[in-house]
PDB file of N, CA and C in Angstrom:
ATOM      1  N   MET A   1      72.241  86.372  59.268  1.00  0.00           N
ATOM      2  CA  MET A   1      71.194  86.849  59.370  1.00  0.00           C
ATOM      3  C   MET A   1      71.238  88.336  60.621  1.00  0.00           C
ATOM      4  N   LYS A   2      71.857  88.099  61.410  1.00  0.00           N
ATOM      5  CA  LYS A   2      72.199  88.843  62.446  1.00  0.00           C
ATOM      6  C   LYS A   2      73.007  90.160  62.087  1.00  0.00           C
ATOM      7  N   CYS A   3      74.014  90.004  61.108  1.00  0.00           N
ATOM      8  CA  CYS A   3      75.059  90.934  60.838  1.00  0.00           C
ATOM      9  C   CYS A   3      73.835  91.845  59.814  1.00  0.00           C
ATOM     10  N   PHE A   4      73.016  91.371  58.875  1.00  0.00           N
ATOM     11  CA  PHE A   4      72.114  92.008  57.874  1.00  0.00           C
ATOM     12  C   PHE A   4      71.262  92.662  59.068  1.00  0.00           C
ATOM     13  N   GLN A   5      70.622  92.495  59.866  1.00  0.00           N
ATOM     14  CA  GLN A   5      69.816  92.975  60.722  1.00  0.00           C
ATOM     15  C   GLN A   5      70.624  94.382  61.527  1.00  0.00           C
ATOM     16  N   LYS A   6      72.029  94.197  61.831  1.00  0.00           N
ATOM     17  CA  LYS A   6      72.652  94.905  62.808  1.00  0.00           C
ATOM     18  C   LYS A   6      72.884  95.955  61.750  1.00  0.00           C
ATOM     19  N   LYS A   7      73.121  96.073  60.532  1.00  0.00           N
ATOM     20  CA  LYS A   7      73.666  96.422  59.327  1.00  0.00           C
ATOM     21  C   LYS A   7      72.103  97.467  59.308  1.00  0.00           C
ATOM     22  N   VAL A   8      71.270  96.913  58.852  1.00  0.00           N
ATOM     23  CA  VAL A   8      69.787  97.693  58.456  1.00  0.00           C
ATOM     24  C   VAL A   8      69.492  98.754  59.987  1.00  0.00           C
ATOM     25  N   HIS A   9      69.424  98.002  61.011  1.00  0.00           N
ATOM     26  CA  HIS A   9      69.264  98.556  62.471  1.00  0.00           C
ATOM     27  C   HIS A   9      70.097 100.297  62.549  1.00  0.00           C
ATOM     28  N   GLU A  10      71.310  99.796  61.921  1.00  0.00           N
ATOM     29  CA  GLU A  10      72.372 101.151  62.038  1.00  0.00           C
ATOM     30  C   GLU A  10      71.775 102.445  60.884  1.00  0.00           C
ATOM     31  N   GLU A  11      71.641 101.756  59.931  1.00  0.00           N
ATOM     32  CA  GLU A  11      70.921 102.520  58.550  1.00  0.00           C
ATOM     33  C   GLU A  11      70.064 103.213  58.939  1.00  0.00           C
ATOM     34  N   GLU A  12      68.791 102.443  59.705  1.00  0.00           N
ATOM     35  CA  GLU A  12      67.666 103.377  60.190  1.00  0.00           C
ATOM     36  C   GLU A  12      68.188 104.219  61.188  1.00  0.00           C
ATOM     37  N   LYS A  13      68.987 104.389  62.225  1.00  0.00           N
ATOM     38  CA  LYS A  13      69.691 105.168  62.811  1.00  0.00           C
ATOM     39  C   LYS A  13      70.079 106.369  62.428  1.00  0.00           C
ATOM     40  N   GLN A  14      71.158 105.981  61.675  1.00  0.00           N
ATOM     41  CA  GLN A  14      71.395 107.275  60.421  1.00  0.00           C
ATOM     42  C   GLN A  14      70.454 108.175  60.305  1.00  0.00           C
ATOM     43  N   ILE A  15      69.851 107.627  58.974  1.00  0.00           N
ATOM     44  CA  ILE A  15      68.478 108.381  58.855  1.00  0.00           C
ATOM     45  C   ILE A  15      67.618 109.162  59.602  1.00  0.00           C
ATOM     46  N   VAL A  16      67.263 108.284  61.054  1.00  0.00           N
ATOM     47  CA  VAL A  16      66.340 109.068  61.850  1.00  0.00           C
ATOM     48  C   VAL A  16      66.856 109.959  62.292  1.00  0.00           C
ATOM     49  N   ASN A  17      68.714 110.083  62.436  1.00  0.00           N
ATOM     50  CA  ASN A  17      69.556 110.875  63.178  1.00  0.00           C
ATOM     51  C   ASN A  17      69.519 112.006  62.169  1.00  0.00           C
ATOM     52  N   ARG A  18      69.602 111.993  60.747  1.00  0.00           N
ATOM     53  CA  ARG A  18      69.623 112.985  60.235  1.00  0.00           C
ATOM     54  C   ARG A  18      68.642 113.698  60.111  1.00  0.00           C
ATOM     55  N   ASN A  19      67.245 113.007  59.693  1.00  0.00           N
ATOM     56  CA  ASN A  19      65.945 113.745  59.963  1.00  0.00           C
ATOM     57  C   ASN A  19      65.609 114.602  61.454  1.00  0.00           C
ATOM     58  N   LEU A  20      65.971 114.201  62.126  1.00  0.00           N
ATOM     59  CA  LEU A  20      65.623 114.785  63.302  1.00  0.00           C
ATOM     60  C   LEU A  20      66.459 116.345  63.493  1.00  0.00           C
ATOM     61  N   LYS A  21      67.885 115.962  62.736  1.00  0.00           N
ATOM     62  CA  LYS A  21      68.610 117.222  62.460  1.00  0.00           C
ATOM     63  C   LYS A  21      67.968 118.236  61.368  1.00  0.00           C
ATOM     64  N   VAL A  22      67.769 117.836  60.566  1.00  0.00           N
ATOM     65  CA  VAL A  22      66.870 118.139  59.751  1.00  0.00           C
ATOM     66  C   VAL A  22      65.725 119.346  60.133  1.00  0.00           C
ATOM     67  N   LEU A  23      64.931 118.581  60.797  1.00  0.00           N
ATOM     68  CA  LEU A  23      63.544 118.920  61.365  1.00  0.00           C
ATOM     69  C   LEU A  23      64.028 120.279  62.802  1.00  0.00           C
ATOM     70  N   GLY A  24      65.177 119.755  63.381  1.00  0.00           N
ATOM     71  CA  GLY A  24      65.681 120.902  64.243  1.00  0.00           C
ATOM     72  C   GLY A  24      66.050 122.059  63.747  1.00  0.00           C
ATOM     73  N   GLU A  25      66.704 121.738  62.788  1.00  0.00           N
ATOM     74  CA  GLU A  25      67.172 122.933  61.872  1.00  0.00           C
ATOM     75  C   GLU A  25      65.956 124.008  61.410  1.00  0.00           C
ATOM     76  N   ARG A  26      64.960 123.513  61.048  1.00  0.00           N
ATOM     77  CA  ARG A  26      63.833 123.994  60.456  1.00  0.00           C
ATOM     78  C   ARG A  26      63.299 124.911  61.617  1.00  0.00           C
ATOM     79  N   ARG A  27      63.061 123.918  62.851  1.00  0.00           N
ATOM     80  CA  ARG A  27      62.231 124.167  63.991  1.00  0.00           C
ATOM     81  C   ARG A  27      63.013 125.533  64.396  1.00  0.00           C
ATOM     82  N   GLN A  28      64.153 125.748  64.236  1.00  0.00           N
ATOM     83  CA  GLN A  28      65.004 126.916  64.645  1.00  0.00           C
ATOM     84  C   GLN A  28      64.350 128.067  63.834  1.00  0.00           C
ATOM     85  N   LEU A  29      64.400 127.756  62.598  1.00  0.00           N
ATOM     86  CA  LEU A  29      64.284 128.756  61.895  1.00  0.00           C
ATOM     87  C   LEU A  29      62.908 129.161  61.923  1.00  0.00           C
ATOM     88  N   VAL A  30      61.898 128.268  62.079  1.00  0.00           N
ATOM     89  CA  VAL A  30      60.610 129.020  62.358  1.00  0.00           C
ATOM     90  C   VAL A  30      60.567 129.730  63.494  1.00  0.00           C
ATOM     91  N   THR A  31      61.204 129.482  64.450  1.00  0.00           N
ATOM     92  CA  THR A  31      61.271 130.353  65.509  1.00  0.00           C
ATOM     93  C   THR A  31      61.926 131.582  65.326  1.00  0.00           C
ATOM     94  N   GLU A  32      63.105 131.472  65.026  1.00  0.00           N
ATOM     95  CA  GLU A  32      63.757 132.898  64.575  1.00  0.00           C
ATOM     96  C   GLU A  32      63.106 133.978  63.814  1.00  0.00           C
ATOM     97  N   TYR A  33      62.282 133.026  62.510  1.00  0.00           N
ATOM     98  CA  TYR A  33      61.813 133.993  61.386  1.00  0.00           C
ATOM     99  C   TYR A  33      60.380 134.438  61.925  1.00  0.00           C
ATOM    100  N   TRP A  34      59.667 133.374  62.597  1.00  0.00           N
ATOM    101  CA  TRP A  34      58.274 133.343  62.406  1.00  0.00           C
ATOM    102  C   TRP A  34      57.901 134.329  63.711  1.00  0.00           C
ATOM    103  N   SER A  35      58.496 134.377  64.763  1.00  0.00           N
ATOM    104  CA  SER A  35      58.645 135.062  65.782  1.00  0.00           C
ATOM    105  C   SER A  35      58.533 136.550  65.694  1.00  0.00           C
ATOM    106  N   LYS A  36      58.883 137.060  64.758  1.00  0.00           N
ATOM    107  CA  LYS A  36      58.765 138.806  64.009  1.00  0.00           C
ATOM    108  C   LYS A  36      57.765 139.158  63.484  1.00  0.00           C
ATOM    109  N   ILE A  37      57.228 138.355  62.774  1.00  0.00           N
ATOM    110  CA  ILE A  37      55.907 138.616  62.278  1.00  0.00           C
ATOM    111  C   ILE A  37      54.738 139.022  63.243  1.00  0.00           C
ATOM    112  N   PRO A  38      54.347 140.401  62.828  1.00  0.00           N
ATOM    113  CA  PRO A  38      53.584 141.258  63.432  1.00  0.00           C
ATOM    114  C   PRO A  38      52.009 140.209  63.678  1.00  0.00           C
ATOM    115  N   LYS A  39      51.512 140.514  64.480  1.00  0.00           N
ATOM    116  CA  LYS A  39      50.056 139.541  65.001  1.00  0.00           C
ATOM    117  C   LYS A  39      50.087 138.460  64.835  1.00  0.00           C
ATOM    118  N   ILE A  40      50.820 137.618  65.230  1.00  0.00           N
ATOM    119  CA  ILE A  40      50.860 136.240  65.144  1.00  0.00           C
ATOM    120  C   ILE A  40      51.622 135.531  66.256  1.00  0.00           C
ATOM    121  N   LYS A  41      51.279 134.933  67.147  1.00  0.00           N
ATOM    122  CA  LYS A  41      52.233 134.359  68.110  1.00  0.00           C
ATOM    123  C   LYS A  41      52.167 132.705  68.136  1.00  0.00           C
ATOM    124  N   PHE A  42      52.918 132.243  68.619  1.00  0.00           N
ATOM    125  CA  PHE A  42      52.956 130.267  68.743  1.00  0.00           C
ATOM    126  C   PHE A  42      54.189 130.123  69.890  1.00  0.00           C
ATOM    127  N   TYR A  43      54.122 128.585  70.295  1.00  0.00           N
ATOM    128  CA  TYR A  43      55.367 128.298  70.863  1.00  0.00           C
ATOM    129  C   TYR A  43      55.866 127.165  70.297  1.00  0.00           C
ATOM    130  N   LYS A  44      57.500 127.663  70.799  1.00  0.00           N
ATOM    131  CA  LYS A  44      58.015 126.701  69.966  1.00  0.00           C
ATOM    132  C   LYS A  44      57.878 125.154  70.308  1.00  0.00           C
ATOM    133  N   PRO A  45      57.762 124.475  69.309  1.00  0.00           N
ATOM    134  CA  PRO A  45      57.087 122.831  69.513  1.00  0.00           C
ATOM    135  C   PRO A  45      58.632 121.950  69.978  1.00  0.00           C
ATOM    136  N   LYS A  46      58.170 121.456  71.053  1.00  0.00           N
ATOM    137  CA  LYS A  46      59.034 120.659  71.253  1.00  0.00           C
ATOM    138  C   LYS A  46      59.570 118.978  70.949  1.00  0.00           C
ATOM    139  N   ALA A  47      58.164 118.800  70.321  1.00  0.00           N
ATOM    140  CA  ALA A  47      58.206 117.354  69.648  1.00  0.00           C
ATOM    141  C   ALA A  47      57.616 117.405  68.349  1.00  0.00           C
ATOM    142  N   ALA A  48      56.959 118.251  67.790  1.00  0.00           N
ATOM    143  CA  ALA A  48      56.031 118.141  66.406  1.00  0.00           C
ATOM    144  C   ALA A  48      56.685 118.824  65.458  1.00  0.00           C
ATOM    145  N   PHE A  49      56.644 118.526  64.335  1.00  0.00           N
ATOM    146  CA  PHE A  49      57.027 119.401  62.954  1.00  0.00           C
ATOM    147  C   PHE A  49      56.157 120.289  62.767  1.00  0.00           C
ATOM    148  N   TYR A  50      54.842 120.979  63.324  1.00  0.00           N
ATOM    149  CA  TYR A  50      54.054 121.787  63.056  1.00  0.00           C
ATOM    150  C   TYR A  50      53.916 123.098  64.183  1.00  0.00           C
ATOM    151  N   VAL A  51      53.520 124.033  63.830  1.00  0.00           N
ATOM    152  CA  VAL A  51      52.988 124.860  64.923  1.00  0.00           C
ATOM    153  C   VAL A  51      51.790 125.175  64.489  1.00  0.00           C
ATOM    154  N   TYR A  52      50.891 125.483  65.981  1.00  0.00           N
ATOM    155  CA  TYR A  52      49.802 126.350  66.045  1.00  0.00           C
ATOM    156  C   TYR A  52      49.710 127.590  66.028  1.00  0.00           C
ATOM    157  N   LEU A  53      49.500 128.730  65.053  1.00  0.00           N
ATOM    158  CA  LEU A  53      49.781 129.938  64.927  1.00  0.00           C
ATOM    159  C   LEU A  53      48.320 130.537  65.730  1.00  0.00           C
ATOM    160  N   ASP A  54      48.538 131.438  66.703  1.00  0.00           N
ATOM    161  CA  ASP A  54      47.453 132.206  67.025  1.00  0.00           C
ATOM    162  C   ASP A  54      47.539 133.362  66.338  1.00  0.00           C
ATOM    163  N   ILE A  55      46.377 133.669  65.033  1.00  0.00           N
ATOM    164  CA  ILE A  55      46.198 134.550  64.579  1.00  0.00           C
ATOM    165  C   ILE A  55      45.345 135.721  65.030  1.00  0.00           C
ATOM    166  N   SER A  56      44.556 135.699  66.328  1.00  0.00           N
ATOM    167  CA  SER A  56      43.448 136.389  66.634  1.00  0.00           C
ATOM    168  C   SER A  56      43.942 137.655  66.556  1.00  0.00           C
ATOM    169  N   GLU A  57      44.848 138.315  66.646  1.00  0.00           N
ATOM    170  CA  GLU A  57      45.223 139.675  66.682  1.00  0.00           C
ATOM    171  C   GLU A  57      45.214 140.188  65.084  1.00  0.00           C
ATOM    172  N   THR A  58      44.979 139.412  64.024  1.00  0.00           N
ATOM    173  CA  THR A  58      44.994 139.424  62.804  1.00  0.00           C
ATOM    174  C   THR A  58      43.623 140.399  62.332  1.00  0.00           C
ATOM    175  N   GLY A  59      42.685 140.007  62.927  1.00  0.00           N
ATOM    176  CA  GLY A  59      41.093 139.805  63.043  1.00  0.00           C
ATOM    177  C   GLY A  59      40.378 139.448  62.111  1.00  0.00           C
ATOM    178  N   MET A  60      41.226 137.867  61.698  1.00  0.00           N
ATOM    179  CA  MET A  60      40.664 137.152  60.609  1.00  0.00           C
ATOM    180  C   MET A  60      40.345 136.180  61.280  1.00  0.00           C
ATOM    181  N   ASN A  61      39.543 135.002  61.072  1.00  0.00           N
ATOM    182  CA  ASN A  61      39.407 133.830  61.612  1.00  0.00           C
ATOM    183  C   ASN A  61      40.009 132.837  61.035  1.00  0.00           C
ATOM    184  N   SER A  62      40.438 131.795  61.093  1.00  0.00           N
ATOM    185  CA  SER A  62      41.129 130.629  60.605  1.00  0.00           C
ATOM    186  C   SER A  62      40.974 130.433  59.104  1.00  0.00           C
ATOM    187  N   ASP A  63      39.599 130.015  58.814  1.00  0.00           N
ATOM    188  CA  ASP A  63      39.284 130.035  57.592  1.00  0.00           C
ATOM    189  C   ASP A  63      39.596 131.195  56.317  1.00  0.00           C
ATOM    190  N   HIS A  64      39.647 132.606  56.739  1.00  0.00           N
ATOM    191  CA  HIS A  64      40.094 133.861  56.149  1.00  0.00           C
ATOM    192  C   HIS A  64      41.189 133.735  55.992  1.00  0.00           C
ATOM    193  N   PHE A  65      41.656 134.149  57.176  1.00  0.00           N
ATOM    194  CA  PHE A  65      43.232 133.724  56.917  1.00  0.00           C
ATOM    195  C   PHE A  65      44.312 132.758  56.534  1.00  0.00           C
ATOM    196  N   SER A  66      43.464 131.476  56.191  1.00  0.00           N
ATOM    197  CA  SER A  66      44.421 130.431  55.268  1.00  0.00           C
ATOM    198  C   SER A  66      44.314 130.637  54.097  1.00  0.00           C
ATOM    199  N   LYS A  67      43.275 131.339  53.599  1.00  0.00           N
ATOM    200  CA  LYS A  67      42.616 131.977  52.337  1.00  0.00           C
ATOM    201  C   LYS A  67      43.591 133.113  51.840  1.00  0.00           C
ATOM    202  N   PHE A  68      43.836 133.688  52.894  1.00  0.00           N
ATOM    203  CA  PHE A  68      44.665 134.789  52.887  1.00  0.00           C
ATOM    204  C   PHE A  68      46.056 134.361  52.262  1.00  0.00           C
ATOM    205  N   THR A  69      46.471 133.534  53.555  1.00  0.00           N
ATOM    206  CA  THR A  69      48.049 133.414  53.082  1.00  0.00           C
ATOM    207  C   THR A  69      48.228 132.389  52.054  1.00  0.00           C
ATOM    208  N   LEU A  70      47.163 131.747  51.555  1.00  0.00           N
ATOM    209  CA  LEU A  70      47.415 130.792  50.107  1.00  0.00           C
ATOM    210  C   LEU A  70      47.437 131.719  48.996  1.00  0.00           C
ATOM    211  N   GLU A  71      46.868 132.811  48.674  1.00  0.00           N
ATOM    212  CA  GLU A  71      46.550 133.848  47.799  1.00  0.00           C
ATOM    213  C   GLU A  71      48.083 134.260  48.005  1.00  0.00           C
ATOM    214  N   LYS A  72      49.097 134.288  48.970  1.00  0.00           N
ATOM    215  CA  LYS A  72      50.248 135.062  48.958  1.00  0.00           C
ATOM    216  C   LYS A  72      51.134 133.704  48.636  1.00  0.00           C
ATOM    217  N   GLY A  73      50.964 132.599  48.482  1.00  0.00           N
ATOM    218  CA  GLY A  73      51.721 130.970  48.281  1.00  0.00           C
ATOM    219  C   GLY A  73      52.021 130.438  49.645  1.00  0.00           C
ATOM    220  N   ILE A  74      51.547 130.651  50.702  1.00  0.00           N
ATOM    221  CA  ILE A  74      51.692 130.289  52.127  1.00  0.00           C
ATOM    222  C   ILE A  74      50.261 128.910  52.206  1.00  0.00           C
ATOM    223  N   CYS A  75      50.703 127.946  52.415  1.00  0.00           N
ATOM    224  CA  CYS A  75      49.470 126.901  52.772  1.00  0.00           C
ATOM    225  C   CYS A  75      49.963 126.561  53.770  1.00  0.00           C
ATOM    226  N   LEU A  76      48.775 127.000  54.600  1.00  0.00           N
ATOM    227  CA  LEU A  76      48.472 126.685  56.393  1.00  0.00           C
ATOM    228  C   LEU A  76      47.112 125.928  56.652  1.00  0.00           C
ATOM    229  N   VAL A  77      46.604 125.704  57.593  1.00  0.00           N
ATOM    230  CA  VAL A  77      45.826 124.466  57.487  1.00  0.00           C
ATOM    231  C   VAL A  77      44.824 125.345  58.927  1.00  0.00           C
ATOM    232  N   PRO A  78      43.438 125.581  58.265  1.00  0.00           N
ATOM    233  CA  PRO A  78      42.772 126.463  58.907  1.00  0.00           C
ATOM    234  C   PRO A  78      42.563 125.456  60.332  1.00  0.00           C
ATOM    235  N   GLY A  79      42.544 126.199  61.388  1.00  0.00           N
ATOM    236  CA  GLY A  79      42.118 125.711  62.850  1.00  0.00           C
ATOM    237  C   GLY A  79      41.196 124.940  62.827  1.00  0.00           C
ATOM    238  N   SER A  80      39.938 125.799  62.110  1.00  0.00           N
ATOM    239  CA  SER A  80      38.420 125.030  61.690  1.00  0.00           C
ATOM    240  C   SER A  80      38.698 123.637  61.462  1.00  0.00           C
ATOM    241  N   ALA A  81      39.677 123.047  61.091  1.00  0.00           N
ATOM    242  CA  ALA A  81      39.780 121.713  60.700  1.00  0.00           C
ATOM    243  C   ALA A  81      39.910 120.985  61.842  1.00  0.00           C
ATOM    244  N   PHE A  82      40.138 121.178  62.659  1.00  0.00           N
ATOM    245  CA  PHE A  82      40.491 120.658  64.178  1.00  0.00           C
ATOM    246  C   PHE A  82      39.443 121.400  65.344  1.00  0.00           C
ATOM    247  N   GLY A  83      38.593 121.790  64.981  1.00  0.00           N
ATOM    248  CA  GLY A  83      37.548 122.280  66.089  1.00  0.00           C
ATOM    249  C   GLY A  83      36.195 123.342  65.668  1.00  0.00           C
ATOM    250  N   GLN A  84      35.396 123.101  65.449  1.00  0.00           N
ATOM    251  CA  GLN A  84      34.427 123.845  64.079  1.00  0.00           C
ATOM    252  C   GLN A  84      34.073 125.085  65.377  1.00  0.00           C
ATOM    253  N   THR A  85      33.657 125.050  66.620  1.00  0.00           N
ATOM    254  CA  THR A  85      33.089 125.905  67.304  1.00  0.00           C
ATOM    255  C   THR A  85      33.959 126.772  67.923  1.00  0.00           C
ATOM    256  N   GLN A  86      33.627 127.917  68.407  1.00  0.00           N
ATOM    257  CA  GLN A  86      34.404 128.955  68.993  1.00  0.00           C
ATOM    258  C   GLN A  86      34.897 128.965  70.219  1.00  0.00           C
ATOM    259  N   ALA A  87      34.244 127.805  70.879  1.00  0.00           N
ATOM    260  CA  ALA A  87      34.612 127.448  72.368  1.00  0.00           C
ATOM    261  C   ALA A  87      35.651 126.531  72.327  1.00  0.00           C
ATOM    262  N   SER A  88      36.191 125.668  71.040  1.00  0.00           N
ATOM    263  CA  SER A  88      37.075 125.070  70.758  1.00  0.00           C
ATOM    264  C   SER A  88      38.541 125.945  70.935  1.00  0.00           C
ATOM    265  N   GLY A  89      38.300 126.963  70.592  1.00  0.00           N
ATOM    266  CA  GLY A  89      39.295 128.230  70.231  1.00  0.00           C
ATOM    267  C   GLY A  89      40.616 127.843  68.997  1.00  0.00           C
ATOM    268  N   MET A  90      39.805 126.965  68.322  1.00  0.00           N
ATOM    269  CA  MET A  90      40.618 126.683  67.007  1.00  0.00           C
ATOM    270  C   MET A  90      40.377 127.820  65.807  1.00  0.00           C
ATOM    271  N   LEU A  91      39.076 128.185  66.196  1.00  0.00           N
ATOM    272  CA  LEU A  91      38.904 129.400  65.081  1.00  0.00           C
ATOM    273  C   LEU A  91      40.185 130.475  64.961  1.00  0.00           C
ATOM    274  N   ASN A  92      40.692 130.755  65.912  1.00  0.00           N
ATOM    275  CA  ASN A  92      41.977 131.700  65.977  1.00  0.00           C
ATOM    276  C   ASN A  92      43.229 131.096  65.854  1.00  0.00           C
ATOM    277  N   TYR A  93      43.254 130.096  65.306  1.00  0.00           N
ATOM    278  CA  TYR A  93      44.417 129.235  65.021  1.00  0.00           C
ATOM    279  C   TYR A  93      44.899 128.891  63.424  1.00  0.00           C
ATOM    280  N   CYS A  94      45.785 128.354  63.036  1.00  0.00           N
ATOM    281  CA  CYS A  94      46.290 128.224  61.928  1.00  0.00           C
ATOM    282  C   CYS A  94      47.329 127.197  61.876  1.00  0.00           C
ATOM    283  N   ARG A  95      47.290 126.059  61.559  1.00  0.00           N
ATOM    284  CA  ARG A  95      48.461 124.787  61.853  1.00  0.00           C
ATOM    285  C   ARG A  95      49.587 125.224  60.565  1.00  0.00           C
ATOM    286  N   MET A  96      50.943 125.259  60.771  1.00  0.00           N
ATOM    287  CA  MET A  96      51.759 125.598  60.182  1.00  0.00           C
ATOM    288  C   MET A  96      52.627 124.113  59.836  1.00  0.00           C
ATOM    289  N   SER A  97      52.959 123.477  58.996  1.00  0.00           N
ATOM    290  CA  SER A  97      53.710 122.501  59.102  1.00  0.00           C
ATOM    291  C   SER A  97      54.729 122.584  58.613  1.00  0.00           C
ATOM    292  N   PHE A  98      56.516 122.405  58.750  1.00  0.00           N
ATOM    293  CA  PHE A  98      57.424 122.680  58.433  1.00  0.00           C
ATOM    294  C   PHE A  98      58.620 121.468  58.156  1.00  0.00           C
ATOM    295  N   GLY A  99      57.823 120.358  58.034  1.00  0.00           N
ATOM    296  CA  GLY A  99      58.159 118.918  57.857  1.00  0.00           C
ATOM    297  C   GLY A  99      58.352 118.355  56.529  1.00  0.00           C
ATOM    298  N   MET A 100      58.067 119.086  55.405  1.00  0.00           N
ATOM    299  CA  MET A 100      57.831 118.739  53.889  1.00  0.00           C
ATOM    300  C   MET A 100      58.697 120.213  53.165  1.00  0.00           C
ATOM    301  N   THR A 101      59.147 120.876  53.700  1.00  0.00           N
ATOM    302  CA  THR A 101      59.424 122.372  52.987  1.00  0.00           C
ATOM    303  C   THR A 101      60.676 122.325  53.237  1.00  0.00           C
ATOM    304  N   ASN A 102      61.512 123.597  52.547  1.00  0.00           N
ATOM    305  CA  ASN A 102      62.932 123.434  52.641  1.00  0.00           C
ATOM    306  C   ASN A 102      62.886 125.126  53.615  1.00  0.00           C
ATOM    307  N   ASN A 103      64.526 125.276  54.006  1.00  0.00           N
ATOM    308  CA  ASN A 103      64.469 126.360  54.505  1.00  0.00           C
ATOM    309  C   ASN A 103      64.434 127.697  54.156  1.00  0.00           C
ATOM    310  N   GLN A 104      64.600 127.755  52.783  1.00  0.00           N
ATOM    311  CA  GLN A 104      64.327 128.753  52.360  1.00  0.00           C
ATOM    312  C   GLN A 104      62.734 129.331  52.191  1.00  0.00           C
ATOM    313  N   ASP A 105      61.892 128.439  51.670  1.00  0.00           N
ATOM    314  CA  ASP A 105      60.784 128.432  51.633  1.00  0.00           C
ATOM    315  C   ASP A 105      60.147 129.156  53.254  1.00  0.00           C
ATOM    316  N   ILE A 106      60.922 128.686  54.733  1.00  0.00           N
ATOM    317  CA  ILE A 106      60.412 128.952  55.539  1.00  0.00           C
ATOM    318  C   ILE A 106      60.806 130.489  55.826  1.00  0.00           C
ATOM    319  N   LYS A 107      61.942 130.992  55.109  1.00  0.00           N
ATOM    320  CA  LYS A 107      62.257 132.171  55.456  1.00  0.00           C
ATOM    321  C   LYS A 107      61.620 133.265  54.862  1.00  0.00           C
ATOM    322  N   ASP A 108      61.311 132.599  53.435  1.00  0.00           N
ATOM    323  CA  ASP A 108      60.495 133.477  52.359  1.00  0.00           C
ATOM    324  C   ASP A 108      58.859 133.948  52.823  1.00  0.00           C
ATOM    325  N   ALA A 109      58.109 132.930  53.411  1.00  0.00           N
ATOM    326  CA  ALA A 109      56.925 133.097  54.143  1.00  0.00           C
ATOM    327  C   ALA A 109      56.950 133.996  55.165  1.00  0.00           C
ATOM    328  N   ALA A 110      58.037 133.830  56.080  1.00  0.00           N
ATOM    329  CA  ALA A 110      58.043 134.753  56.962  1.00  0.00           C
ATOM    330  C   ALA A 110      58.001 136.016  56.693  1.00  0.00           C
ATOM    331  N   GLU A 111      58.901 136.602  55.667  1.00  0.00           N
ATOM    332  CA  GLU A 111      59.203 137.995  55.038  1.00  0.00           C
ATOM    333  C   GLU A 111      57.759 138.139  54.360  1.00  0.00           C
ATOM    334  N   ILE A 112      57.211 137.360  53.977  1.00  0.00           N
ATOM    335  CA  ILE A 112      55.912 137.703  53.084  1.00  0.00           C
ATOM    336  C   ILE A 112      54.894 138.221  53.882  1.00  0.00           C
ATOM    337  N   LEU A 113      55.105 137.411  55.168  1.00  0.00           N
ATOM    338  CA  LEU A 113      53.742 137.843  56.005  1.00  0.00           C
ATOM    339  C   LEU A 113      54.045 139.043  57.218  1.00  0.00           C
ATOM    340  N   THR A 114      55.679 139.148  57.143  1.00  0.00           N
ATOM    341  CA  THR A 114      55.578 140.126  57.772  1.00  0.00           C
ATOM    342  C   THR A 114      55.002 141.856  57.354  1.00  0.00           C
ATOM    343  N   GLU A 115      55.729 141.751  55.990  1.00  0.00           N
ATOM    344  CA  GLU A 115      55.328 142.753  55.056  1.00  0.00           C
ATOM    345  C   GLU A 115      53.742 142.902  54.796  1.00  0.00           C
ATOM    346  N   VAL A 116      52.969 142.136  54.432  1.00  0.00           N
ATOM    347  CA  VAL A 116      51.469 142.050  54.388  1.00  0.00           C
ATOM    348  C   VAL A 116      50.865 142.235  56.027  1.00  0.00           C
ATOM    349  N   LEU A 117      51.397 142.121  57.118  1.00  0.00           N
ATOM    350  CA  LEU A 117      50.564 142.576  58.076  1.00  0.00           C
ATOM    351  C   LEU A 117      51.206 143.427  58.993  1.00  0.00           C
ATOM    352  N   ASN A 118      52.134 143.904  58.782  1.00  0.00           N
ATOM    353  CA  ASN A 118      52.529 145.465  59.270  1.00  0.00           C
ATOM    354  C   ASN A 118      51.871 146.453  58.991  1.00  0.00           C
TER     355      ASN A 118
END
């Protein structure tokens, strides 16, 4: 039984390490490509697979911006889902996850937003 448990534990470690590597690569792509998008700011995440995009310079609130991006094929969660009041500050943010996407989609979305926000 111990031998089986050790094997399972090693396989789990390999899966976790592979996933960490993939997410690290995606985080790097987000940082590289999305930091060039005009009117959008964010902090590089240290532990999460999502970023909160400061969209205040776009002139849109989070609901309008997320609808705008959805029309362009980019799905973002409006900050209003995390706080409904202006005092919460979330109306100026959208959340973008890079956990369940691929590298090319990260690049393509950045190019689309760069083009439409210029």
